[in-house]
N, C-alpha and C. Protein backbone atom coordinates (compact mmCIF):
# COMPACT_ATOMS: atom_id res chain seq x y z
N MET A 1 33.14 11.31 19.29
CA MET A 1 33.22 10.43 20.45
C MET A 1 31.89 10.46 21.19
N ARG A 2 31.32 9.32 21.41
CA ARG A 2 30.11 9.29 22.23
C ARG A 2 30.53 9.28 23.70
N GLU A 3 29.58 9.44 24.56
CA GLU A 3 29.90 9.42 26.00
C GLU A 3 30.63 8.13 26.35
N VAL A 4 31.46 8.19 27.37
CA VAL A 4 32.18 6.98 27.77
C VAL A 4 31.21 6.00 28.41
N SER A 5 31.51 4.74 28.28
CA SER A 5 30.71 3.69 28.89
C SER A 5 31.40 3.26 30.18
N ILE A 6 30.69 3.41 31.29
CA ILE A 6 31.26 3.09 32.60
C ILE A 6 30.48 1.93 33.20
N ILE A 7 31.19 0.87 33.52
CA ILE A 7 30.59 -0.32 34.13
C ILE A 7 30.31 0.00 35.59
N PRO A 8 29.06 -0.15 36.03
CA PRO A 8 28.71 0.23 37.40
C PRO A 8 29.28 -0.72 38.46
N ARG A 9 29.30 -0.23 39.67
CA ARG A 9 29.82 -0.97 40.82
C ARG A 9 29.14 -2.32 41.00
N THR A 10 27.87 -2.39 40.66
CA THR A 10 27.14 -3.66 40.82
C THR A 10 27.77 -4.78 39.99
N GLU A 11 28.38 -4.42 38.86
CA GLU A 11 28.99 -5.43 37.98
C GLU A 11 30.23 -6.07 38.60
N TRP A 12 30.94 -5.34 39.46
CA TRP A 12 32.09 -5.97 40.13
C TRP A 12 31.78 -6.32 41.58
N LYS A 13 30.48 -6.29 41.89
CA LYS A 13 29.98 -6.73 43.20
C LYS A 13 30.61 -5.95 44.36
N ALA A 14 30.61 -4.63 44.21
CA ALA A 14 31.19 -3.75 45.23
C ALA A 14 30.45 -3.86 46.55
N ALA A 15 31.21 -3.84 47.61
CA ALA A 15 30.63 -3.73 48.95
C ALA A 15 30.19 -2.28 49.14
N ALA A 16 29.27 -2.05 50.03
CA ALA A 16 28.84 -0.68 50.33
C ALA A 16 30.01 0.10 50.93
N PRO A 17 30.22 1.32 50.47
CA PRO A 17 31.32 2.12 51.03
C PRO A 17 30.98 2.62 52.43
N ARG A 18 32.02 2.89 53.19
CA ARG A 18 31.84 3.55 54.48
C ARG A 18 31.84 5.06 54.25
N SER A 19 31.31 5.79 55.17
CA SER A 19 31.29 7.25 55.08
C SER A 19 32.73 7.78 55.10
N TYR A 20 32.98 8.80 54.28
CA TYR A 20 34.31 9.39 54.23
C TYR A 20 34.21 10.83 53.78
N ALA A 21 35.29 11.56 53.85
CA ALA A 21 35.32 13.00 53.55
C ALA A 21 34.85 13.31 52.12
N LYS A 22 34.00 14.30 52.03
CA LYS A 22 33.56 14.81 50.73
C LYS A 22 34.58 15.83 50.23
N HIS A 23 34.58 16.08 48.93
CA HIS A 23 35.52 17.06 48.38
C HIS A 23 35.01 17.63 47.07
N ASP A 24 35.60 18.75 46.68
CA ASP A 24 35.33 19.37 45.39
C ASP A 24 36.48 18.97 44.46
N LEU A 25 36.14 18.63 43.24
CA LEU A 25 37.15 18.18 42.27
C LEU A 25 37.86 19.38 41.65
N VAL A 26 39.19 19.36 41.74
CA VAL A 26 39.98 20.46 41.17
C VAL A 26 41.09 19.98 40.25
N ARG A 27 41.37 18.68 40.23
CA ARG A 27 42.45 18.16 39.39
C ARG A 27 42.19 16.69 39.07
N ILE A 28 42.85 16.21 38.04
CA ILE A 28 42.77 14.80 37.65
C ILE A 28 44.15 14.18 37.86
N THR A 29 44.18 13.05 38.54
CA THR A 29 45.44 12.37 38.83
C THR A 29 45.33 10.90 38.42
N VAL A 30 46.35 10.41 37.72
CA VAL A 30 46.36 9.05 37.20
C VAL A 30 47.31 8.18 38.01
N HIS A 31 46.85 6.99 38.32
CA HIS A 31 47.61 5.97 39.05
C HIS A 31 47.68 4.70 38.21
N HIS A 32 48.51 3.76 38.65
CA HIS A 32 48.36 2.38 38.18
C HIS A 32 48.19 1.54 39.43
N GLU A 33 47.59 0.39 39.25
CA GLU A 33 47.26 -0.45 40.40
C GLU A 33 48.51 -1.17 40.92
N GLY A 34 49.41 -1.57 40.06
CA GLY A 34 50.71 -2.06 40.51
C GLY A 34 50.97 -3.55 40.42
N THR A 35 49.97 -4.36 40.11
CA THR A 35 50.25 -5.79 39.90
C THR A 35 49.91 -6.15 38.46
N ARG A 36 50.64 -7.10 37.94
CA ARG A 36 50.47 -7.51 36.55
C ARG A 36 49.02 -7.94 36.30
N LEU A 37 48.44 -7.39 35.24
CA LEU A 37 47.09 -7.77 34.83
C LEU A 37 47.06 -7.75 33.32
N LEU A 38 46.61 -8.83 32.73
CA LEU A 38 46.56 -8.96 31.28
C LEU A 38 45.15 -8.68 30.78
N PRO A 39 44.99 -8.35 29.48
CA PRO A 39 43.66 -8.10 28.93
C PRO A 39 42.70 -9.28 29.09
N THR A 40 43.22 -10.48 29.22
CA THR A 40 42.37 -11.66 29.38
C THR A 40 42.01 -11.95 30.83
N ASP A 41 42.64 -11.26 31.78
CA ASP A 41 42.35 -11.48 33.20
C ASP A 41 41.01 -10.84 33.58
N ASP A 42 40.43 -11.30 34.67
CA ASP A 42 39.13 -10.83 35.15
C ASP A 42 39.30 -9.52 35.93
N ALA A 43 39.10 -8.40 35.26
CA ALA A 43 39.29 -7.09 35.89
C ALA A 43 38.30 -6.86 37.03
N ALA A 44 37.05 -7.28 36.85
CA ALA A 44 36.04 -7.08 37.91
C ALA A 44 36.46 -7.79 39.19
N ARG A 45 36.98 -8.98 39.04
CA ARG A 45 37.46 -9.73 40.22
C ARG A 45 38.64 -9.02 40.87
N LYS A 46 39.52 -8.47 40.05
CA LYS A 46 40.69 -7.73 40.55
C LYS A 46 40.24 -6.50 41.34
N ILE A 47 39.27 -5.75 40.80
CA ILE A 47 38.79 -4.55 41.47
C ILE A 47 38.14 -4.92 42.81
N LYS A 48 37.37 -5.98 42.83
CA LYS A 48 36.77 -6.43 44.09
C LYS A 48 37.86 -6.77 45.11
N GLY A 49 38.94 -7.39 44.64
CA GLY A 49 40.07 -7.70 45.52
C GLY A 49 40.74 -6.44 46.07
N ILE A 50 40.86 -5.43 45.22
CA ILE A 50 41.44 -4.15 45.67
C ILE A 50 40.55 -3.53 46.75
N GLN A 51 39.24 -3.58 46.53
CA GLN A 51 38.32 -3.03 47.53
C GLN A 51 38.42 -3.81 48.84
N THR A 52 38.41 -5.11 48.76
CA THR A 52 38.48 -5.94 49.97
C THR A 52 39.76 -5.66 50.75
N TRP A 53 40.87 -5.57 50.04
CA TRP A 53 42.17 -5.26 50.67
C TRP A 53 42.13 -3.85 51.30
N GLY A 54 41.65 -2.87 50.53
CA GLY A 54 41.64 -1.50 51.01
C GLY A 54 40.74 -1.28 52.21
N MET A 55 39.61 -1.99 52.24
CA MET A 55 38.67 -1.83 53.35
C MET A 55 39.00 -2.77 54.52
N GLY A 56 40.02 -3.60 54.35
CA GLY A 56 40.40 -4.57 55.38
C GLY A 56 41.11 -3.92 56.56
N PRO A 57 41.45 -4.71 57.56
CA PRO A 57 42.03 -4.17 58.79
C PRO A 57 43.41 -3.53 58.61
N ASP A 58 44.16 -3.93 57.58
CA ASP A 58 45.48 -3.33 57.38
C ASP A 58 45.40 -1.91 56.83
N ARG A 59 44.34 -1.57 56.10
CA ARG A 59 44.17 -0.24 55.51
C ARG A 59 43.02 0.51 56.18
N ASN A 60 41.89 -0.16 56.33
CA ASN A 60 40.69 0.44 56.90
C ASN A 60 40.21 1.66 56.11
N TRP A 61 40.33 1.60 54.78
CA TRP A 61 39.83 2.67 53.92
C TRP A 61 38.32 2.55 53.79
N ALA A 62 37.71 3.59 53.26
CA ALA A 62 36.25 3.65 53.14
C ALA A 62 35.72 2.87 51.95
N ASP A 63 36.56 2.62 50.94
CA ASP A 63 36.09 2.02 49.69
C ASP A 63 37.31 1.69 48.83
N VAL A 64 37.05 1.24 47.60
CA VAL A 64 38.12 1.12 46.63
C VAL A 64 38.74 2.53 46.53
N PRO A 65 40.05 2.67 46.43
CA PRO A 65 40.65 4.00 46.56
C PRO A 65 40.46 4.96 45.38
N TYR A 66 40.03 4.47 44.22
CA TYR A 66 39.97 5.29 43.01
C TYR A 66 38.54 5.57 42.58
N HIS A 67 38.36 6.63 41.82
CA HIS A 67 37.03 7.00 41.31
C HIS A 67 36.66 6.23 40.06
N PHE A 68 37.65 5.94 39.23
CA PHE A 68 37.45 5.14 38.03
C PHE A 68 38.65 4.23 37.84
N LEU A 69 38.40 3.03 37.33
CA LEU A 69 39.47 2.07 37.07
C LEU A 69 39.34 1.59 35.63
N ILE A 70 40.47 1.51 34.93
CA ILE A 70 40.45 1.12 33.53
C ILE A 70 41.24 -0.18 33.37
N ALA A 71 40.56 -1.18 32.84
CA ALA A 71 41.18 -2.50 32.64
C ALA A 71 42.08 -2.47 31.40
N PRO A 72 43.00 -3.43 31.29
CA PRO A 72 43.86 -3.49 30.11
C PRO A 72 43.10 -3.59 28.79
N ASP A 73 41.90 -4.17 28.81
CA ASP A 73 41.11 -4.27 27.57
C ASP A 73 40.34 -2.98 27.25
N GLY A 74 40.52 -1.95 28.08
CA GLY A 74 39.89 -0.66 27.85
C GLY A 74 38.57 -0.43 28.54
N LYS A 75 38.03 -1.45 29.20
CA LYS A 75 36.76 -1.26 29.92
C LYS A 75 36.99 -0.35 31.13
N ILE A 76 36.03 0.54 31.34
CA ILE A 76 36.10 1.50 32.44
C ILE A 76 35.11 1.10 33.51
N TYR A 77 35.58 1.04 34.75
CA TYR A 77 34.76 0.62 35.89
C TYR A 77 34.56 1.79 36.86
N GLU A 78 33.36 1.88 37.38
CA GLU A 78 33.04 2.87 38.42
C GLU A 78 33.70 2.46 39.72
N GLY A 79 34.38 3.39 40.35
CA GLY A 79 34.98 3.16 41.66
C GLY A 79 34.18 3.89 42.72
N ARG A 80 34.86 4.57 43.61
CA ARG A 80 34.16 5.32 44.66
C ARG A 80 33.45 6.52 44.07
N ASP A 81 32.49 7.05 44.80
CA ASP A 81 31.77 8.23 44.38
C ASP A 81 32.78 9.36 44.12
N VAL A 82 32.64 10.06 43.00
CA VAL A 82 33.62 11.09 42.65
C VAL A 82 33.69 12.23 43.66
N TYR A 83 32.62 12.46 44.40
CA TYR A 83 32.63 13.55 45.38
C TYR A 83 33.09 13.09 46.76
N THR A 84 33.59 11.86 46.84
CA THR A 84 34.22 11.36 48.06
C THR A 84 35.71 11.33 47.82
N ALA A 85 36.47 11.97 48.68
CA ALA A 85 37.93 12.02 48.52
C ALA A 85 38.50 10.61 48.43
N GLY A 86 39.55 10.47 47.64
CA GLY A 86 40.23 9.18 47.52
C GLY A 86 41.14 8.92 48.70
N GLU A 87 41.73 7.74 48.70
CA GLU A 87 42.69 7.38 49.74
C GLU A 87 43.90 6.77 49.04
N THR A 88 45.08 7.05 49.57
CA THR A 88 46.29 6.53 48.95
C THR A 88 47.28 6.12 50.02
N ASN A 89 48.20 5.26 49.62
CA ASN A 89 49.17 4.70 50.55
C ASN A 89 50.48 5.49 50.53
N THR A 90 50.44 6.76 50.17
CA THR A 90 51.63 7.60 50.19
C THR A 90 51.34 8.89 50.92
N GLU A 91 52.32 9.77 50.95
CA GLU A 91 52.22 10.95 51.79
C GLU A 91 51.33 12.07 51.26
N TYR A 92 50.93 12.03 50.00
CA TYR A 92 50.14 13.17 49.51
C TYR A 92 48.66 13.01 49.86
N ASP A 93 48.00 14.12 50.02
CA ASP A 93 46.58 14.15 50.34
C ASP A 93 45.79 14.24 49.03
N PRO A 94 45.03 13.20 48.66
CA PRO A 94 44.31 13.21 47.39
C PRO A 94 42.98 13.98 47.41
N THR A 95 42.73 14.74 48.46
CA THR A 95 41.52 15.57 48.49
C THR A 95 41.56 16.52 47.30
N GLY A 96 40.47 16.58 46.56
CA GLY A 96 40.37 17.43 45.39
C GLY A 96 40.79 16.76 44.09
N HIS A 97 41.41 15.59 44.20
CA HIS A 97 41.87 14.85 43.03
C HIS A 97 40.80 13.87 42.56
N LEU A 98 40.46 13.90 41.28
CA LEU A 98 39.66 12.84 40.68
C LEU A 98 40.69 11.77 40.29
N LEU A 99 40.59 10.59 40.87
CA LEU A 99 41.60 9.55 40.71
C LEU A 99 41.18 8.52 39.67
N ILE A 100 42.00 8.38 38.64
CA ILE A 100 41.79 7.37 37.60
C ILE A 100 42.93 6.38 37.71
N CYS A 101 42.59 5.10 37.79
CA CYS A 101 43.59 4.05 37.94
C CYS A 101 43.60 3.14 36.72
N CYS A 102 44.78 2.93 36.15
CA CYS A 102 44.95 1.93 35.10
C CYS A 102 45.39 0.64 35.77
N LEU A 103 44.59 -0.41 35.61
CA LEU A 103 44.91 -1.69 36.23
C LEU A 103 46.10 -2.32 35.52
N GLY A 104 47.10 -2.69 36.28
CA GLY A 104 48.30 -3.31 35.74
C GLY A 104 49.54 -2.71 36.37
N ASN A 105 50.68 -3.32 36.09
CA ASN A 105 51.96 -2.83 36.60
C ASN A 105 52.74 -2.24 35.43
N TYR A 106 52.66 -0.93 35.26
CA TYR A 106 53.27 -0.29 34.11
C TYR A 106 54.70 0.15 34.36
N GLU A 107 55.27 -0.35 35.43
CA GLU A 107 56.72 -0.29 35.61
C GLU A 107 57.32 -1.45 34.81
N GLU A 108 56.57 -2.56 34.71
CA GLU A 108 57.04 -3.77 34.01
C GLU A 108 56.34 -4.00 32.68
N GLN A 109 55.03 -3.79 32.62
CA GLN A 109 54.23 -4.09 31.43
C GLN A 109 54.17 -2.89 30.49
N GLU A 110 53.97 -3.18 29.21
CA GLU A 110 53.65 -2.14 28.25
C GLU A 110 52.16 -1.80 28.43
N VAL A 111 51.78 -0.59 28.10
CA VAL A 111 50.39 -0.16 28.21
C VAL A 111 49.64 -0.62 26.96
N PRO A 112 48.59 -1.44 27.14
CA PRO A 112 47.81 -1.87 25.98
C PRO A 112 47.14 -0.67 25.30
N GLU A 113 47.09 -0.69 23.98
CA GLU A 113 46.51 0.39 23.20
C GLU A 113 45.06 0.68 23.63
N GLU A 114 44.28 -0.37 23.89
CA GLU A 114 42.88 -0.18 24.30
C GLU A 114 42.78 0.59 25.61
N GLN A 115 43.68 0.29 26.53
CA GLN A 115 43.66 0.96 27.82
C GLN A 115 44.09 2.43 27.67
N LEU A 116 45.11 2.67 26.87
CA LEU A 116 45.58 4.03 26.65
C LEU A 116 44.48 4.87 25.99
N THR A 117 43.81 4.31 25.00
CA THR A 117 42.72 5.02 24.33
C THR A 117 41.60 5.34 25.31
N SER A 118 41.23 4.38 26.14
CA SER A 118 40.17 4.62 27.14
C SER A 118 40.61 5.65 28.17
N LEU A 119 41.88 5.63 28.56
CA LEU A 119 42.37 6.62 29.52
C LEU A 119 42.23 8.03 28.95
N ILE A 120 42.62 8.21 27.71
CA ILE A 120 42.52 9.52 27.06
C ILE A 120 41.06 9.96 26.99
N ARG A 121 40.19 9.06 26.58
CA ARG A 121 38.75 9.39 26.49
C ARG A 121 38.19 9.71 27.87
N MET A 122 38.60 8.95 28.88
CA MET A 122 38.10 9.15 30.24
C MET A 122 38.55 10.50 30.79
N ILE A 123 39.80 10.85 30.56
CA ILE A 123 40.31 12.15 31.03
C ILE A 123 39.52 13.28 30.37
N ALA A 124 39.32 13.19 29.06
CA ALA A 124 38.56 14.23 28.35
C ALA A 124 37.14 14.32 28.89
N TRP A 125 36.49 13.17 29.07
CA TRP A 125 35.13 13.15 29.58
C TRP A 125 35.06 13.73 30.99
N CYS A 126 35.99 13.36 31.85
CA CYS A 126 36.01 13.88 33.22
C CYS A 126 36.27 15.38 33.23
N SER A 127 37.18 15.83 32.37
CA SER A 127 37.46 17.26 32.28
C SER A 127 36.20 18.04 31.92
N LYS A 128 35.48 17.54 30.93
CA LYS A 128 34.25 18.18 30.48
C LYS A 128 33.13 18.05 31.52
N THR A 129 32.90 16.84 31.98
CA THR A 129 31.78 16.56 32.88
C THR A 129 31.92 17.27 34.23
N TYR A 130 33.12 17.25 34.79
CA TYR A 130 33.34 17.81 36.13
C TYR A 130 34.00 19.18 36.11
N LYS A 131 34.18 19.72 34.88
CA LYS A 131 34.76 21.06 34.70
C LYS A 131 36.13 21.18 35.37
N ILE A 132 36.98 20.19 35.11
CA ILE A 132 38.34 20.18 35.65
C ILE A 132 39.29 20.53 34.50
N PRO A 133 40.04 21.60 34.62
CA PRO A 133 40.95 21.98 33.53
C PRO A 133 41.99 20.89 33.23
N VAL A 134 42.22 20.64 31.96
CA VAL A 134 43.21 19.64 31.54
C VAL A 134 44.59 20.00 32.09
N GLU A 135 44.85 21.27 32.28
CA GLU A 135 46.15 21.71 32.79
C GLU A 135 46.45 21.17 34.18
N THR A 136 45.44 20.65 34.87
CA THR A 136 45.66 20.07 36.20
C THR A 136 46.07 18.61 36.14
N LEU A 137 46.02 18.01 34.95
CA LEU A 137 46.32 16.59 34.79
C LEU A 137 47.74 16.27 35.25
N ALA A 138 47.85 15.24 36.09
CA ALA A 138 49.15 14.82 36.61
C ALA A 138 49.07 13.33 36.97
N THR A 139 50.15 12.81 37.50
CA THR A 139 50.19 11.42 37.94
C THR A 139 50.52 11.37 39.42
N HIS A 140 50.32 10.21 40.00
CA HIS A 140 50.64 9.98 41.40
C HIS A 140 52.09 10.38 41.69
N ARG A 141 52.99 10.02 40.78
CA ARG A 141 54.42 10.33 40.93
C ARG A 141 54.66 11.84 41.06
N ASP A 142 53.82 12.64 40.44
CA ASP A 142 54.00 14.09 40.49
C ASP A 142 53.70 14.67 41.87
N TYR A 143 53.01 13.91 42.72
CA TYR A 143 52.65 14.39 44.06
C TYR A 143 53.37 13.64 45.19
N SER A 144 54.10 12.61 44.85
CA SER A 144 54.71 11.77 45.88
C SER A 144 56.17 11.46 45.55
N ARG A 145 57.00 11.54 46.55
CA ARG A 145 58.40 11.14 46.40
C ARG A 145 58.59 9.66 46.73
N GLN A 146 57.52 8.98 47.16
CA GLN A 146 57.61 7.59 47.61
C GLN A 146 57.23 6.57 46.56
N THR A 147 56.94 6.98 45.33
CA THR A 147 56.40 6.03 44.37
C THR A 147 56.92 6.29 42.96
N SER A 148 56.87 5.25 42.15
CA SER A 148 57.14 5.40 40.72
C SER A 148 55.82 5.28 39.93
N CYS A 149 54.70 5.23 40.64
CA CYS A 149 53.38 5.14 40.03
C CYS A 149 53.14 6.34 39.12
N PRO A 150 52.71 6.17 37.93
CA PRO A 150 52.03 5.05 37.32
C PRO A 150 52.94 4.09 36.54
N GLY A 151 54.20 4.05 36.87
CA GLY A 151 55.13 3.15 36.19
C GLY A 151 55.72 3.82 34.96
N LYS A 152 56.97 3.50 34.67
CA LYS A 152 57.70 4.18 33.59
C LYS A 152 57.03 4.05 32.23
N ASN A 153 56.37 2.92 31.97
CA ASN A 153 55.77 2.71 30.65
C ASN A 153 54.50 3.52 30.43
N LEU A 154 53.79 3.87 31.47
CA LEU A 154 52.63 4.76 31.36
C LEU A 154 53.08 6.22 31.54
N TYR A 155 53.99 6.45 32.45
CA TYR A 155 54.47 7.81 32.72
C TYR A 155 55.06 8.47 31.47
N LEU A 156 55.67 7.67 30.62
CA LEU A 156 56.25 8.18 29.38
C LEU A 156 55.22 8.95 28.55
N TYR A 157 53.98 8.48 28.52
CA TYR A 157 52.93 9.15 27.75
C TYR A 157 52.54 10.50 28.35
N PHE A 158 52.86 10.71 29.62
CA PHE A 158 52.64 12.01 30.25
C PHE A 158 53.83 12.93 29.99
N THR A 159 55.04 12.41 30.18
CA THR A 159 56.23 13.25 30.03
C THR A 159 56.49 13.68 28.59
N ASN A 160 56.09 12.85 27.63
CA ASN A 160 56.31 13.25 26.23
C ASN A 160 55.15 14.08 25.67
N GLY A 161 54.12 14.33 26.49
CA GLY A 161 53.01 15.19 26.11
C GLY A 161 51.91 14.52 25.30
N TYR A 162 52.05 13.23 25.02
CA TYR A 162 51.07 12.54 24.17
C TYR A 162 49.66 12.58 24.76
N ILE A 163 49.51 12.21 26.02
CA ILE A 163 48.17 12.17 26.62
C ILE A 163 47.54 13.55 26.64
N ASN A 164 48.28 14.54 27.06
CA ASN A 164 47.76 15.90 27.12
C ASN A 164 47.32 16.38 25.74
N LYS A 165 48.13 16.12 24.72
CA LYS A 165 47.81 16.53 23.35
C LYS A 165 46.53 15.84 22.86
N GLU A 166 46.42 14.53 23.10
CA GLU A 166 45.26 13.77 22.63
C GLU A 166 43.98 14.17 23.38
N VAL A 167 44.09 14.44 24.67
CA VAL A 167 42.93 14.88 25.45
C VAL A 167 42.44 16.23 24.92
N LYS A 168 43.36 17.15 24.71
CA LYS A 168 42.97 18.47 24.19
C LYS A 168 42.35 18.36 22.81
N LYS A 169 42.87 17.47 21.98
CA LYS A 169 42.31 17.26 20.64
C LYS A 169 40.87 16.75 20.74
N LEU A 170 40.63 15.79 21.63
CA LEU A 170 39.27 15.28 21.84
C LEU A 170 38.33 16.37 22.34
N LEU A 171 38.79 17.15 23.28
CA LEU A 171 37.96 18.22 23.83
C LEU A 171 37.56 19.22 22.74
N ARG A 172 38.48 19.52 21.83
CA ARG A 172 38.17 20.43 20.72
C ARG A 172 37.20 19.78 19.73
N GLN A 173 37.52 18.54 19.32
CA GLN A 173 36.74 17.87 18.29
C GLN A 173 35.33 17.51 18.74
N VAL A 174 35.21 17.03 19.94
CA VAL A 174 33.93 16.50 20.41
C VAL A 174 33.10 17.53 21.15
N TYR A 175 33.75 18.31 21.99
CA TYR A 175 33.01 19.22 22.85
C TYR A 175 33.14 20.69 22.44
N GLY A 176 33.98 20.96 21.43
CA GLY A 176 34.17 22.32 20.99
C GLY A 176 34.84 23.20 22.01
N LEU A 177 35.64 22.59 22.89
CA LEU A 177 36.33 23.36 23.95
C LEU A 177 37.75 23.70 23.54
């Protein structure tokens, strides 16, 4: 596996973030964005919309809430700076969490193979790059009683152990960990 390819913020025309709390990364947490998005839809436009909504008067967040976002076609987009704590619309405090978001509503949609493959590669890369143990991997649902995020169709890959197994396999094969 070569290094992951991450599309920079400039490609989705990100607004400048506001100052927000810094943090040390100790765990990886996966979310889904929650609205239907197909592989043919414009993911960059969607991410810009998420940022505009999140930074708007109803939320007043500092930036797009996630550190990385993965489109249904498997493209990975840069979100907020990884050393800036994320923001979420539920009761848990995401300080210390590296937040990866799969764009789409996986309560209703099936997870595209390209997106699942990129998610596994991204988790492995983040684990290696930021020295975050794979054992910390969880989902938004694991920290909140208020959500079904990342949706039953994505959550299944966590509960049946598939993602964890594939991430560990990549870490062994590629990084010798």
